[in-house]
C-alpha cells in the first residue's frame, strides 16, 4: 500500500490550498481515510476523517467550517480543501488509511505573510 500527498506550499493568511492523496496497492474505495497534521514541537493531530463512500465526514474543531475532506474513489484519491488559512495551520499534512495503517510521506503547508 502506498499513499502520496501533494499540493502543499506557502500561502498567505486567508488563502486556500487543496491537498491530494493518491492511493495505490489496496482497495481504496473500501476504506475510510484521514488527514493528520503535525506542527513543529507538537503532537500529530487528526484533522479530518471521511468514510469509504464519502457520505460522512468528521473534522477537528480547529478546522471545522474552513476545511473540507472529499474523495474520488474512481481516481483512488482523497482531497483536503483548506480555505481561510491561518498561521496556526502551518504543519506537515499527512494522509492515512487507519484500517491498514498506511501513511503518506507528508506535504508541508506554510501560512505566512
PDB file of N, CA and C in Angstrom:
ATOM      1  N   UNK A   1       0.843  -1.194   0.000  1.00  0.00           N
ATOM      2  CA  UNK A   1       0.000   0.000   0.000  1.00  0.00           C
ATOM      3  C   UNK A   1       0.879   1.245   0.000  1.00  0.00           C
ATOM      4  N   UNK A   2       0.452   2.245  -0.779  1.00  0.00           N
ATOM      5  CA  UNK A   2       1.216   3.490  -0.855  1.00  0.00           C
ATOM      6  C   UNK A   2       0.281   4.679  -0.905  1.00  0.00           C
ATOM      7  N   UNK A   3       0.639   5.725  -0.165  1.00  0.00           N
ATOM      8  CA  UNK A   3      -0.085   6.982  -0.178  1.00  0.00           C
ATOM      9  C   UNK A   3       0.902   8.100  -0.489  1.00  0.00           C
ATOM     10  N   UNK A   4       0.553   8.954  -1.430  1.00  0.00           N
ATOM     11  CA  UNK A   4       1.440  10.053  -1.828  1.00  0.00           C
ATOM     12  C   UNK A   4       0.659  11.357  -1.795  1.00  0.00           C
ATOM     13  N   UNK A   5       1.080  12.256  -0.896  1.00  0.00           N
ATOM     14  CA  UNK A   5       0.429  13.560  -0.777  1.00  0.00           C
ATOM     15  C   UNK A   5       1.077  14.563  -1.729  1.00  0.00           C
ATOM     16  N   UNK A   6       0.303  15.545  -2.127  1.00  0.00           N
ATOM     17  CA  UNK A   6       0.809  16.658  -2.928  1.00  0.00           C
ATOM     18  C   UNK A   6      -0.086  17.866  -2.697  1.00  0.00           C
ATOM     19  N   UNK A   7       0.400  19.029  -3.136  1.00  0.00           N
ATOM     20  CA  UNK A   7      -0.417  20.227  -3.083  1.00  0.00           C
ATOM     21  C   UNK A   7      -0.047  21.214  -1.992  1.00  0.00           C
ATOM     22  N   UNK A   8       0.924  20.868  -1.152  1.00  0.00           N
ATOM     23  CA  UNK A   8       1.345  21.799  -0.117  1.00  0.00           C
ATOM     24  C   UNK A   8       2.115  22.971  -0.701  1.00  0.00           C
ATOM     25  N   UNK A   9       2.417  23.937   0.168  1.00  0.00           N
ATOM     26  CA  UNK A   9       3.174  25.096  -0.275  1.00  0.00           C
ATOM     27  C   UNK A   9       3.056  26.243   0.692  1.00  0.00           C
ATOM     28  N   UNK A  10       3.496  27.410   0.231  1.00  0.00           N
ATOM     29  CA  UNK A  10       3.441  28.641   1.019  1.00  0.00           C
ATOM     30  C   UNK A  10       2.237  29.462   0.568  1.00  0.00           C
ATOM     31  N   UNK A  11       1.430  29.899   1.520  1.00  0.00           N
ATOM     32  CA  UNK A  11       0.237  30.673   1.202  1.00  0.00           C
ATOM     33  C   UNK A  11       0.074  31.768   2.257  1.00  0.00           C
ATOM     34  N   UNK A  12      -0.497  32.880   1.849  1.00  0.00           N
ATOM     35  CA  UNK A  12      -0.739  33.972   2.784  1.00  0.00           C
ATOM     36  C   UNK A  12      -1.942  33.679   3.661  1.00  0.00           C
ATOM     37  N   UNK A  13      -1.998  34.278   4.836  1.00  0.00           N
ATOM     38  CA  UNK A  13      -3.198  34.114   5.674  1.00  0.00           C
ATOM     39  C   UNK A  13      -4.450  34.511   4.903  1.00  0.00           C
ATOM     40  N   UNK A  14      -5.485  33.707   5.080  1.00  0.00           N
ATOM     41  CA  UNK A  14      -6.724  33.923   4.340  1.00  0.00           C
ATOM     42  C   UNK A  14      -6.791  33.202   3.019  1.00  0.00           C
ATOM     43  N   UNK A  15      -5.678  32.633   2.591  1.00  0.00           N
ATOM     44  CA  UNK A  15      -5.626  31.942   1.314  1.00  0.00           C
ATOM     45  C   UNK A  15      -6.142  30.509   1.389  1.00  0.00           C
ATOM     46  N   UNK A  16      -6.023  29.815   0.252  1.00  0.00           N
ATOM     47  CA  UNK A  16      -6.531  28.449   0.134  1.00  0.00           C
ATOM     48  C   UNK A  16      -5.488  27.544  -0.503  1.00  0.00           C
ATOM     49  N   UNK A  17      -5.583  26.281  -0.153  1.00  0.00           N
ATOM     50  CA  UNK A  17      -4.801  25.226  -0.783  1.00  0.00           C
ATOM     51  C   UNK A  17      -5.677  23.988  -0.861  1.00  0.00           C
ATOM     52  N   UNK A  18      -5.387  23.137  -1.859  1.00  0.00           N
ATOM     53  CA  UNK A  18      -6.028  21.833  -1.909  1.00  0.00           C
ATOM     54  C   UNK A  18      -4.948  20.760  -1.922  1.00  0.00           C
ATOM     55  N   UNK A  19      -4.997  19.904  -0.926  1.00  0.00           N
ATOM     56  CA  UNK A  19      -4.077  18.773  -0.846  1.00  0.00           C
ATOM     57  C   UNK A  19      -4.716  17.556  -1.499  1.00  0.00           C
ATOM     58  N   UNK A  20      -3.870  16.743  -2.120  1.00  0.00           N
ATOM     59  CA  UNK A  20      -4.314  15.486  -2.712  1.00  0.00           C
ATOM     60  C   UNK A  20      -3.540  14.334  -2.093  1.00  0.00           C
ATOM     61  N   UNK A  21      -4.182  13.179  -2.039  1.00  0.00           N
ATOM     62  CA  UNK A  21      -3.550  11.965  -1.537  1.00  0.00           C
ATOM     63  C   UNK A  21      -3.873  10.846  -2.520  1.00  0.00           C
ATOM     64  N   UNK A  22      -2.877  10.456  -3.298  1.00  0.00           N
ATOM     65  CA  UNK A  22      -3.055   9.395  -4.288  1.00  0.00           C
ATOM     66  C   UNK A  22      -2.727   8.050  -3.657  1.00  0.00           C
ATOM     67  N   UNK A  23      -3.665   7.126  -3.747  1.00  0.00           N
ATOM     68  CA  UNK A  23      -3.517   5.814  -3.118  1.00  0.00           C
ATOM     69  C   UNK A  23      -3.278   4.735  -4.162  1.00  0.00           C
ATOM     70  N   UNK A  24      -2.498   3.738  -3.778  1.00  0.00           N
ATOM     71  CA  UNK A  24      -2.277   2.587  -4.645  1.00  0.00           C
ATOM     72  C   UNK A  24      -1.948   1.373  -3.795  1.00  0.00           C
ATOM     73  N   UNK A  25      -2.147   0.197  -4.378  1.00  0.00           N
ATOM     74  CA  UNK A  25      -1.771  -1.029  -3.691  1.00  0.00           C
ATOM     75  C   UNK A  25      -2.805  -1.595  -2.749  1.00  0.00           C
ATOM     76  N   UNK A  26      -3.977  -0.986  -2.680  1.00  0.00           N
ATOM     77  CA  UNK A  26      -5.050  -1.533  -1.853  1.00  0.00           C
ATOM     78  C   UNK A  26      -6.377  -1.039  -2.431  1.00  0.00           C
ATOM     79  N   UNK A  27      -7.466  -1.603  -1.940  1.00  0.00           N
ATOM     80  CA  UNK A  27      -8.795  -1.279  -2.470  1.00  0.00           C
ATOM     81  C   UNK A  27      -9.290  -0.004  -1.802  1.00  0.00           C
ATOM     82  N   UNK A  28      -8.878   1.106  -2.376  1.00  0.00           N
ATOM     83  CA  UNK A  28      -9.125   2.428  -1.792  1.00  0.00           C
ATOM     84  C   UNK A  28     -10.591   2.645  -1.444  1.00  0.00           C
ATOM     85  N   UNK A  29     -11.480   2.255  -2.324  1.00  0.00           N
ATOM     86  CA  UNK A  29     -12.897   2.568  -2.154  1.00  0.00           C
ATOM     87  C   UNK A  29     -13.514   1.858  -0.936  1.00  0.00           C
ATOM     88  N   UNK A  30     -12.814   0.864  -0.389  1.00  0.00           N
ATOM     89  CA  UNK A  30     -13.357   0.088   0.719  1.00  0.00           C
ATOM     90  C   UNK A  30     -13.039   0.652   2.092  1.00  0.00           C
ATOM     91  N   UNK A  31     -12.172   1.648   2.138  1.00  0.00           N
ATOM     92  CA  UNK A  31     -11.652   2.081   3.436  1.00  0.00           C
ATOM     93  C   UNK A  31     -11.834   3.564   3.699  1.00  0.00           C
ATOM     94  N   UNK A  32     -12.068   3.878   4.973  1.00  0.00           N
ATOM     95  CA  UNK A  32     -12.053   5.265   5.399  1.00  0.00           C
ATOM     96  C   UNK A  32     -10.644   5.838   5.255  1.00  0.00           C
ATOM     97  N   UNK A  33     -10.591   7.166   5.144  1.00  0.00           N
ATOM     98  CA  UNK A  33      -9.314   7.860   5.037  1.00  0.00           C
ATOM     99  C   UNK A  33      -9.287   9.032   6.019  1.00  0.00           C
ATOM    100  N   UNK A  34      -8.095   9.399   6.429  1.00  0.00           N
ATOM    101  CA  UNK A  34      -7.919  10.503   7.367  1.00  0.00           C
ATOM    102  C   UNK A  34      -6.814  11.438   6.903  1.00  0.00           C
ATOM    103  N   UNK A  35      -6.921  12.678   7.332  1.00  0.00           N
ATOM    104  CA  UNK A  35      -5.847  13.657   7.203  1.00  0.00           C
ATOM    105  C   UNK A  35      -5.405  14.047   8.609  1.00  0.00           C
ATOM    106  N   UNK A  36      -4.094  14.036   8.826  1.00  0.00           N
ATOM    107  CA  UNK A  36      -3.481  14.484  10.063  1.00  0.00           C
ATOM    108  C   UNK A  36      -2.536  15.646   9.736  1.00  0.00           C
ATOM    109  N   UNK A  37      -2.136  16.341  10.775  1.00  0.00           N
ATOM    110  CA  UNK A  37      -1.085  17.343  10.615  1.00  0.00           C
ATOM    111  C   UNK A  37      -0.202  17.354  11.859  1.00  0.00           C
ATOM    112  N   UNK A  38       1.033  17.779  11.655  1.00  0.00           N
ATOM    113  CA  UNK A  38       1.973  17.882  12.763  1.00  0.00           C
ATOM    114  C   UNK A  38       2.799  19.150  12.606  1.00  0.00           C
ATOM    115  N   UNK A  39       2.632  20.036  13.569  1.00  0.00           N
ATOM    116  CA  UNK A  39       3.415  21.273  13.610  1.00  0.00           C
ATOM    117  C   UNK A  39       4.687  21.025  14.413  1.00  0.00           C
ATOM    118  N   UNK A  40       5.713  21.837  14.189  1.00  0.00           N
ATOM    119  CA  UNK A  40       6.977  21.662  14.914  1.00  0.00           C
ATOM    120  C   UNK A  40       6.755  21.692  16.421  1.00  0.00           C
ATOM    121  N   UNK A  41       7.291  20.694  17.102  1.00  0.00           N
ATOM    122  CA  UNK A  41       7.200  20.645  18.552  1.00  0.00           C
ATOM    123  C   UNK A  41       5.856  20.210  19.099  1.00  0.00           C
ATOM    124  N   UNK A  42       4.936  19.818  18.216  1.00  0.00           N
ATOM    125  CA  UNK A  42       3.599  19.411  18.652  1.00  0.00           C
ATOM    126  C   UNK A  42       3.309  17.977  18.228  1.00  0.00           C
ATOM    127  N   UNK A  43       2.322  17.390  18.883  1.00  0.00           N
ATOM    128  CA  UNK A  43       1.910  16.041  18.527  1.00  0.00           C
ATOM    129  C   UNK A  43       1.100  16.053  17.228  1.00  0.00           C
ATOM    130  N   UNK A  44       1.111  14.898  16.571  1.00  0.00           N
ATOM    131  CA  UNK A  44       0.304  14.770  15.360  1.00  0.00           C
ATOM    132  C   UNK A  44      -1.173  14.880  15.723  1.00  0.00           C
ATOM    133  N   UNK A  45      -1.920  15.637  14.926  1.00  0.00           N
ATOM    134  CA  UNK A  45      -3.319  15.956  15.217  1.00  0.00           C
ATOM    135  C   UNK A  45      -4.215  15.455  14.090  1.00  0.00           C
ATOM    136  N   UNK A  46      -5.290  14.776  14.449  1.00  0.00           N
ATOM    137  CA  UNK A  46      -6.282  14.357  13.450  1.00  0.00           C
ATOM    138  C   UNK A  46      -7.063  15.578  12.993  1.00  0.00           C
ATOM    139  N   UNK A  47      -7.092  15.798  11.698  1.00  0.00           N
ATOM    140  CA  UNK A  47      -7.747  16.976  11.119  1.00  0.00           C
ATOM    141  C   UNK A  47      -9.115  16.620  10.546  1.00  0.00           C
ATOM    142  N   UNK A  48      -9.171  15.528   9.778  1.00  0.00           N
ATOM    143  CA  UNK A  48     -10.428  15.190   9.104  1.00  0.00           C
ATOM    144  C   UNK A  48     -10.487  13.696   8.826  1.00  0.00           C
ATOM    145  N   UNK A  49     -11.716  13.194   8.778  1.00  0.00           N
ATOM    146  CA  UNK A  49     -11.969  11.780   8.531  1.00  0.00           C
ATOM    147  C   UNK A  49     -13.092  11.676   7.517  1.00  0.00           C
ATOM    148  N   UNK A  50     -12.955  10.762   6.566  1.00  0.00           N
ATOM    149  CA  UNK A  50     -14.023  10.544   5.591  1.00  0.00           C
ATOM    150  C   UNK A  50     -14.248   9.051   5.450  1.00  0.00           C
ATOM    151  N   UNK A  51     -15.509   8.637   5.468  1.00  0.00           N
ATOM    152  CA  UNK A  51     -15.851   7.226   5.362  1.00  0.00           C
ATOM    153  C   UNK A  51     -15.672   6.748   3.923  1.00  0.00           C
ATOM    154  N   UNK A  52     -15.735   5.457   3.742  1.00  0.00           N
ATOM    155  CA  UNK A  52     -15.341   4.865   2.466  1.00  0.00           C
ATOM    156  C   UNK A  52     -16.171   5.365   1.289  1.00  0.00           C
ATOM    157  N   UNK A  53     -17.464   5.606   1.503  1.00  0.00           N
ATOM    158  CA  UNK A  53     -18.295   6.064   0.394  1.00  0.00           C
ATOM    159  C   UNK A  53     -18.373   7.582   0.315  1.00  0.00           C
ATOM    160  N   UNK A  54     -17.663   8.264   1.208  1.00  0.00           N
ATOM    161  CA  UNK A  54     -17.656   9.716   1.194  1.00  0.00           C
ATOM    162  C   UNK A  54     -18.901  10.359   1.774  1.00  0.00           C
ATOM    163  N   UNK A  55     -19.813   9.525   2.285  1.00  0.00           N
ATOM    164  CA  UNK A  55     -21.078  10.055   2.738  1.00  0.00           C
ATOM    165  C   UNK A  55     -21.047  10.699   4.115  1.00  0.00           C
ATOM    166  N   UNK A  56     -20.017  10.473   4.872  1.00  0.00           N
ATOM    167  CA  UNK A  56     -19.932  11.040   6.220  1.00  0.00           C
ATOM    168  C   UNK A  56     -18.507  11.505   6.472  1.00  0.00           C
ATOM    169  N   UNK A  57     -18.414  12.679   7.076  1.00  0.00           N
ATOM    170  CA  UNK A  57     -17.116  13.263   7.373  1.00  0.00           C
ATOM    171  C   UNK A  57     -17.101  13.801   8.797  1.00  0.00           C
ATOM    172  N   UNK A  58     -15.915  13.919   9.360  1.00  0.00           N
ATOM    173  CA  UNK A  58     -15.728  14.498  10.684  1.00  0.00           C
ATOM    174  C   UNK A  58     -14.505  15.403  10.646  1.00  0.00           C
ATOM    175  N   UNK A  59     -14.535  16.440  11.482  1.00  0.00           N
ATOM    176  CA  UNK A  59     -13.446  17.416  11.488  1.00  0.00           C
ATOM    177  C   UNK A  59     -13.037  17.781  12.906  1.00  0.00           C
ATOM    178  N   UNK A  60     -11.765  18.150  13.043  1.00  0.00           N
ATOM    179  CA  UNK A  60     -11.323  18.757  14.287  1.00  0.00           C
ATOM    180  C   UNK A  60     -12.003  20.113  14.435  1.00  0.00           C
ATOM    181  N   UNK A  61     -12.270  20.497  15.671  1.00  0.00           N
ATOM    182  CA  UNK A  61     -12.931  21.785  15.902  1.00  0.00           C
ATOM    183  C   UNK A  61     -12.123  22.942  15.322  1.00  0.00           C
ATOM    184  N   UNK A  62     -10.814  22.791  15.322  1.00  0.00           N
ATOM    185  CA  UNK A  62      -9.948  23.881  14.876  1.00  0.00           C
ATOM    186  C   UNK A  62     -10.067  24.173  13.378  1.00  0.00           C
ATOM    187  N   UNK A  63     -10.607  23.230  12.605  1.00  0.00           N
ATOM    188  CA  UNK A  63     -10.698  23.430  11.154  1.00  0.00           C
ATOM    189  C   UNK A  63     -12.139  23.401  10.649  1.00  0.00           C
ATOM    190  N   UNK A  64     -13.069  23.100  11.519  1.00  0.00           N
ATOM    191  CA  UNK A  64     -14.461  22.972  11.105  1.00  0.00           C
ATOM    192  C   UNK A  64     -14.950  24.272  10.474  1.00  0.00           C
ATOM    193  N   UNK A  65     -15.599  24.158   9.326  1.00  0.00           N
ATOM    194  CA  UNK A  65     -16.097  25.324   8.611  1.00  0.00           C
ATOM    195  C   UNK A  65     -15.094  25.932   7.648  1.00  0.00           C
ATOM    196  N   UNK A  66     -13.832  25.517   7.740  1.00  0.00           N
ATOM    197  CA  UNK A  66     -12.793  26.035   6.844  1.00  0.00           C
ATOM    198  C   UNK A  66     -12.210  24.960   5.928  1.00  0.00           C
ATOM    199  N   UNK A  67     -12.130  23.743   6.413  1.00  0.00           N
ATOM    200  CA  UNK A  67     -11.559  22.633   5.646  1.00  0.00           C
ATOM    201  C   UNK A  67     -12.682  21.693   5.201  1.00  0.00           C
ATOM    202  N   UNK A  68     -12.491  21.096   4.033  1.00  0.00           N
ATOM    203  CA  UNK A  68     -13.432  20.108   3.513  1.00  0.00           C
ATOM    204  C   UNK A  68     -12.663  18.898   2.996  1.00  0.00           C
ATOM    205  N   UNK A  69     -12.993  17.730   3.515  1.00  0.00           N
ATOM    206  CA  UNK A  69     -12.382  16.487   3.051  1.00  0.00           C
ATOM    207  C   UNK A  69     -13.326  15.840   2.034  1.00  0.00           C
ATOM    208  N   UNK A  70     -12.736  15.271   0.997  1.00  0.00           N
ATOM    209  CA  UNK A  70     -13.534  14.595  -0.029  1.00  0.00           C
ATOM    210  C   UNK A  70     -12.705  13.470  -0.631  1.00  0.00           C
ATOM    211  N   UNK A  71     -13.335  12.685  -1.487  1.00  0.00           N
ATOM    212  CA  UNK A  71     -12.617  11.605  -2.141  1.00  0.00           C
ATOM    213  C   UNK A  71     -13.244  11.309  -3.488  1.00  0.00           C
ATOM    214  N   UNK A  72     -12.428  10.785  -4.384  1.00  0.00           N
ATOM    215  CA  UNK A  72     -12.892  10.322  -5.675  1.00  0.00           C
ATOM    216  C   UNK A  72     -12.444   8.864  -5.779  1.00  0.00           C
ATOM    217  N   UNK A  73     -13.352   7.951  -5.516  1.00  0.00           N
ATOM    218  CA  UNK A  73     -12.987   6.533  -5.492  1.00  0.00           C
ATOM    219  C   UNK A  73     -12.610   6.014  -6.876  1.00  0.00           C
ATOM    220  N   UNK A  74     -13.085   6.673  -7.931  1.00  0.00           N
ATOM    221  CA  UNK A  74     -12.711   6.264  -9.287  1.00  0.00           C
ATOM    222  C   UNK A  74     -11.245   6.605  -9.581  1.00  0.00           C
ATOM    223  N   UNK A  75     -10.737   7.627  -8.885  1.00  0.00           N
ATOM    224  CA  UNK A  75      -9.347   8.058  -9.087  1.00  0.00           C
ATOM    225  C   UNK A  75      -8.424   7.620  -7.949  1.00  0.00           C
ATOM    226  N   UNK A  76      -8.968   6.879  -6.982  1.00  0.00           N
ATOM    227  CA  UNK A  76      -8.173   6.447  -5.825  1.00  0.00           C
ATOM    228  C   UNK A  76      -7.461   7.614  -5.155  1.00  0.00           C
ATOM    229  N   UNK A  77      -8.194   8.696  -4.970  1.00  0.00           N
ATOM    230  CA  UNK A  77      -7.584   9.914  -4.430  1.00  0.00           C
ATOM    231  C   UNK A  77      -8.485  10.552  -3.391  1.00  0.00           C
ATOM    232  N   UNK A  78      -7.866  11.004  -2.312  1.00  0.00           N
ATOM    233  CA  UNK A  78      -8.548  11.793  -1.291  1.00  0.00           C
ATOM    234  C   UNK A  78      -8.035  13.226  -1.356  1.00  0.00           C
ATOM    235  N   UNK A  79      -8.869  14.144  -0.917  1.00  0.00           N
ATOM    236  CA  UNK A  79      -8.527  15.567  -1.009  1.00  0.00           C
ATOM    237  C   UNK A  79      -8.792  16.253   0.325  1.00  0.00           C
ATOM    238  N   UNK A  80      -8.076  17.347   0.540  1.00  0.00           N
ATOM    239  CA  UNK A  80      -8.366  18.224   1.666  1.00  0.00           C
ATOM    240  C   UNK A  80      -8.329  19.652   1.137  1.00  0.00           C
ATOM    241  N   UNK A  81      -9.505  20.251   1.008  1.00  0.00           N
ATOM    242  CA  UNK A  81      -9.618  21.643   0.599  1.00  0.00           C
ATOM    243  C   UNK A  81      -9.510  22.512   1.839  1.00  0.00           C
ATOM    244  N   UNK A  82      -8.554  23.402   1.850  1.00  0.00           N
ATOM    245  CA  UNK A  82      -8.302  24.241   3.020  1.00  0.00           C
ATOM    246  C   UNK A  82      -8.505  25.708   2.628  1.00  0.00           C
ATOM    247  N   UNK A  83      -9.490  26.339   3.252  1.00  0.00           N
ATOM    248  CA  UNK A  83      -9.801  27.744   2.994  1.00  0.00           C
ATOM    249  C   UNK A  83      -9.570  28.569   4.252  1.00  0.00           C
ATOM    250  N   UNK A  84      -9.512  29.867   4.078  1.00  0.00           N
ATOM    251  CA  UNK A  84      -9.330  30.795   5.206  1.00  0.00           C
ATOM    252  C   UNK A  84      -8.174  30.356   6.091  1.00  0.00           C
ATOM    253  N   UNK A  85      -7.064  30.054   5.466  1.00  0.00           N
ATOM    254  CA  UNK A  85      -5.920  29.514   6.207  1.00  0.00           C
ATOM    255  C   UNK A  85      -5.349  30.535   7.179  1.00  0.00           C
ATOM    256  N   UNK A  86      -4.878  30.004   8.304  1.00  0.00           N
ATOM    257  CA  UNK A  86      -4.311  30.821   9.380  1.00  0.00           C
ATOM    258  C   UNK A  86      -2.867  30.384   9.629  1.00  0.00           C
ATOM    259  N   UNK A  87      -2.059  31.247  10.207  1.00  0.00           N
ATOM    260  CA  UNK A  87      -0.672  30.844  10.513  1.00  0.00           C
ATOM    261  C   UNK A  87      -0.610  29.583  11.371  1.00  0.00           C
ATOM    262  N   UNK A  88      -1.573  29.390  12.238  1.00  0.00           N
ATOM    263  CA  UNK A  88      -1.573  28.203  13.094  1.00  0.00           C
ATOM    264  C   UNK A  88      -1.907  26.922  12.339  1.00  0.00           C
ATOM    265  N   UNK A  89      -2.265  27.021  11.074  1.00  0.00           N
ATOM    266  CA  UNK A  89      -2.462  25.832  10.242  1.00  0.00           C
ATOM    267  C   UNK A  89      -1.140  25.322   9.669  1.00  0.00           C
ATOM    268  N   UNK A  90      -0.069  26.059   9.877  1.00  0.00           N
ATOM    269  CA  UNK A  90       1.242  25.639   9.390  1.00  0.00           C
ATOM    270  C   UNK A  90       1.645  24.309  10.015  1.00  0.00           C
ATOM    271  N   UNK A  91       1.953  23.336   9.159  1.00  0.00           N
ATOM    272  CA  UNK A  91       2.279  21.985   9.629  1.00  0.00           C
ATOM    273  C   UNK A  91       2.624  21.120   8.423  1.00  0.00           C
ATOM    274  N   UNK A  92       3.129  19.938   8.715  1.00  0.00           N
ATOM    275  CA  UNK A  92       3.218  18.898   7.701  1.00  0.00           C
ATOM    276  C   UNK A  92       1.904  18.120   7.751  1.00  0.00           C
ATOM    277  N   UNK A  93       1.284  17.964   6.601  1.00  0.00           N
ATOM    278  CA  UNK A  93      -0.002  17.283   6.499  1.00  0.00           C
ATOM    279  C   UNK A  93       0.212  15.882   5.915  1.00  0.00           C
ATOM    280  N   UNK A  94      -0.426  14.914   6.573  1.00  0.00           N
ATOM    281  CA  UNK A  94      -0.288  13.518   6.187  1.00  0.00           C
ATOM    282  C   UNK A  94      -1.656  12.917   5.894  1.00  0.00           C
ATOM    283  N   UNK A  95      -1.726  12.059   4.891  1.00  0.00           N
ATOM    284  CA  UNK A  95      -2.930  11.254   4.743  1.00  0.00           C
ATOM    285  C   UNK A  95      -2.666   9.861   5.300  1.00  0.00           C
ATOM    286  N   UNK A  96      -3.743   9.224   5.702  1.00  0.00           N
ATOM    287  CA  UNK A  96      -3.640   7.964   6.432  1.00  0.00           C
ATOM    288  C   UNK A  96      -4.847   7.094   6.131  1.00  0.00           C
ATOM    289  N   UNK A  97      -4.601   5.810   5.964  1.00  0.00           N
ATOM    290  CA  UNK A  97      -5.690   4.838   5.928  1.00  0.00           C
ATOM    291  C   UNK A  97      -5.615   4.066   7.236  1.00  0.00           C
ATOM    292  N   UNK A  98      -6.513   4.343   8.177  1.00  0.00           N
ATOM    293  CA  UNK A  98      -6.364   3.762   9.515  1.00  0.00           C
ATOM    294  C   UNK A  98      -6.516   2.241   9.540  1.00  0.00           C
ATOM    295  N   UNK A  99      -7.323   1.698   8.667  1.00  0.00           N
ATOM    296  CA  UNK A  99      -7.586   0.261   8.716  1.00  0.00           C
ATOM    297  C   UNK A  99      -6.336  -0.560   8.417  1.00  0.00           C
ATOM    298  N   UNK A 100      -5.526  -0.068   7.487  1.00  0.00           N
ATOM    299  CA  UNK A 100      -4.315  -0.803   7.099  1.00  0.00           C
ATOM    300  C   UNK A 100      -3.052  -0.107   7.589  1.00  0.00           C
ATOM    301  N   UNK A 101      -3.231   0.942   8.395  1.00  0.00           N
ATOM    302  CA  UNK A 101      -2.089   1.656   8.985  1.00  0.00           C
ATOM    303  C   UNK A 101      -1.099   2.153   7.937  1.00  0.00           C
ATOM    304  N   UNK A 102      -1.617   2.673   6.848  1.00  0.00           N
ATOM    305  CA  UNK A 102      -0.756   3.233   5.798  1.00  0.00           C
ATOM    306  C   UNK A 102      -0.665   4.742   5.963  1.00  0.00           C
ATOM    307  N   UNK A 103       0.527   5.273   5.740  1.00  0.00           N
ATOM    308  CA  UNK A 103       0.775   6.713   5.864  1.00  0.00           C
ATOM    309  C   UNK A 103       1.503   7.212   4.619  1.00  0.00           C
ATOM    310  N   UNK A 104       1.217   8.453   4.269  1.00  0.00           N
ATOM    311  CA  UNK A 104       1.993   9.109   3.236  1.00  0.00           C
ATOM    312  C   UNK A 104       3.235   9.737   3.831  1.00  0.00           C
ATOM    313  N   UNK A 105       4.040  10.359   2.953  1.00  0.00           N
ATOM    314  CA  UNK A 105       5.300  10.959   3.399  1.00  0.00           C
ATOM    315  C   UNK A 105       5.102  12.360   3.955  1.00  0.00           C
ATOM    316  N   UNK A 106       3.930  12.943   3.701  1.00  0.00           N
ATOM    317  CA  UNK A 106       3.624  14.276   4.208  1.00  0.00           C
ATOM    318  C   UNK A 106       3.905  15.359   3.186  1.00  0.00           C
ATOM    319  N   UNK A 107       3.184  16.457   3.321  1.00  0.00           N
ATOM    320  CA  UNK A 107       3.398  17.636   2.479  1.00  0.00           C
ATOM    321  C   UNK A 107       3.345  18.868   3.378  1.00  0.00           C
ATOM    322  N   UNK A 108       4.310  19.766   3.186  1.00  0.00           N
ATOM    323  CA  UNK A 108       4.433  20.939   4.047  1.00  0.00           C
ATOM    324  C   UNK A 108       3.457  22.025   3.623  1.00  0.00           C
ATOM    325  N   UNK A 109       2.727  22.547   4.593  1.00  0.00           N
ATOM    326  CA  UNK A 109       1.866  23.710   4.399  1.00  0.00           C
ATOM    327  C   UNK A 109       2.362  24.815   5.313  1.00  0.00           C
ATOM    328  N   UNK A 110       2.689  25.957   4.728  1.00  0.00           N
ATOM    329  CA  UNK A 110       3.157  27.101   5.491  1.00  0.00           C
ATOM    330  C   UNK A 110       2.257  28.289   5.197  1.00  0.00           C
ATOM    331  N   UNK A 111       1.693  28.846   6.259  1.00  0.00           N
ATOM    332  CA  UNK A 111       0.802  30.001   6.129  1.00  0.00           C
ATOM    333  C   UNK A 111       1.507  31.195   6.762  1.00  0.00           C
ATOM    334  N   UNK A 112       1.913  32.113   5.914  1.00  0.00           N
ATOM    335  CA  UNK A 112       2.698  33.245   6.391  1.00  0.00           C
ATOM    336  C   UNK A 112       2.607  34.394   5.403  1.00  0.00           C
ATOM    337  N   UNK A 113       2.679  35.608   5.933  1.00  0.00           N
ATOM    338  CA  UNK A 113       2.716  36.789   5.070  1.00  0.00           C
ATOM    339  C   UNK A 113       4.151  37.202   4.788  1.00  0.00           C
TER     340      UNK A 113
END
